[in-house]
Protein backbone atom coordinates (compact mmCIF):
# COMPACT_ATOMS: atom_id res chain seq x y z
CA MET A 1 9.84 12.47 -33.06
CA PRO A 2 12.85 11.46 -35.09
CA PRO A 3 12.73 7.84 -36.35
CA LYS A 4 15.58 6.70 -34.06
CA LYS A 5 13.90 7.94 -30.88
CA ARG A 6 10.54 6.55 -31.95
CA SER A 7 12.01 3.06 -32.39
CA LYS A 8 13.52 3.21 -28.89
CA VAL A 9 10.17 4.20 -27.43
CA ASP A 10 8.40 1.50 -29.45
CA ARG A 11 10.84 -1.15 -28.21
CA LEU A 12 10.39 0.05 -24.63
CA ILE A 13 6.60 -0.13 -24.88
CA LYS A 14 6.74 -3.58 -26.49
CA GLY A 15 9.11 -4.75 -23.75
CA ILE A 16 6.80 -3.46 -21.02
CA ILE A 17 3.78 -5.19 -22.58
CA ILE A 18 5.60 -8.49 -23.14
CA GLY A 19 7.17 -8.37 -19.67
CA GLY A 20 3.80 -7.67 -18.10
CA ALA A 21 2.20 -10.57 -19.95
CA ILE A 22 4.99 -12.97 -18.96
CA GLY A 23 4.87 -11.73 -15.35
CA SER A 24 1.12 -12.23 -15.20
CA VAL A 25 1.33 -15.79 -16.50
CA VAL A 26 4.16 -16.69 -14.12
CA GLY A 27 2.36 -15.03 -11.19
CA VAL A 28 -0.88 -16.89 -11.81
CA THR A 29 0.95 -20.17 -12.36
CA LEU A 30 3.08 -19.96 -9.22
CA ALA A 31 0.58 -18.32 -6.86
CA PRO A 32 0.37 -20.16 -3.53
CA LYS A 33 -3.38 -19.58 -3.17
CA SER A 34 -6.31 -19.53 -5.53
CA GLY A 35 -7.61 -16.20 -6.78
CA LYS A 36 -10.64 -16.30 -4.48
CA GLU A 37 -8.47 -17.02 -1.44
CA THR A 38 -6.10 -14.21 -2.36
CA ARG A 39 -8.95 -11.73 -2.89
CA ASP A 40 -10.51 -12.75 0.45
CA HIS A 41 -7.15 -12.31 2.20
CA VAL A 42 -6.64 -8.84 0.70
CA LYS A 43 -10.23 -7.84 1.57
CA ASN A 44 -9.87 -9.03 5.19
CA SER A 45 -6.49 -7.33 5.56
CA ALA A 46 -7.97 -4.06 4.30
CA LYS A 47 -10.93 -4.32 6.69
CA ASN A 48 -8.60 -5.01 9.64
CA PHE A 49 -6.38 -2.07 8.68
CA LEU A 50 -9.35 0.30 8.39
CA ALA A 51 -10.79 -0.89 11.72
CA SER A 52 -7.44 -0.36 13.41
CA ALA A 53 -7.07 3.12 11.91
CA GLN A 54 -10.60 4.02 12.98
CA LYS A 55 -9.95 2.90 16.58
CA LYS A 56 -6.76 4.96 16.71
CA GLY A 57 -8.61 7.95 15.28
CA GLU A 58 -11.39 7.61 17.85
CA LYS A 59 -8.83 7.56 20.67
CA LYS A 60 -7.32 10.78 19.35
CA VAL A 61 -10.76 12.42 19.16
CA LYS A 62 -11.61 11.32 22.72
CA LYS A 63 -8.38 12.86 24.00
CA GLY A 64 -9.26 16.10 22.29
CA PRO A 65 -6.99 18.37 20.34
CA VAL A 66 -4.97 19.54 23.35
CA GLY A 67 -4.32 16.01 24.59
CA THR A 68 -3.33 14.92 21.10
CA LEU A 69 -0.99 17.90 20.74
CA LEU A 70 0.63 17.25 24.12
CA GLY A 71 1.03 13.56 23.30
CA GLY A 72 2.70 14.48 20.01
CA VAL A 73 5.08 16.91 21.74
CA HIS A 74 5.92 14.26 24.34
CA THR A 75 6.65 11.75 21.58
CA LEU A 76 8.80 14.28 19.75
CA VAL A 77 10.82 15.18 22.85
CA PHE A 78 11.11 11.78 24.55
CA GLY A 79 10.76 9.44 21.57
CA LYS A 80 7.91 7.31 22.85
CA LYS A 81 4.26 7.81 23.56
CA LYS A 82 3.02 8.86 26.95
CA ARG A 83 0.76 6.17 28.39
């Protein structure tokens, strides 16, 4: 790379590193919960999301492929799910 372009890239990389460091310090300092509480919250949210997705998937499997296809067509045509 020419020297001029290299210095622009170097400044960009330095800026990203410094910005990331400053952002990390500010984030940790101003966080409303402790790290353990935040990790627990994220873990519980992920478990709830996966459980919800699994239940929805099981409903689709119970309906079978034809029922799922017809429900999708109904949603596409009428804009809401058939109950």
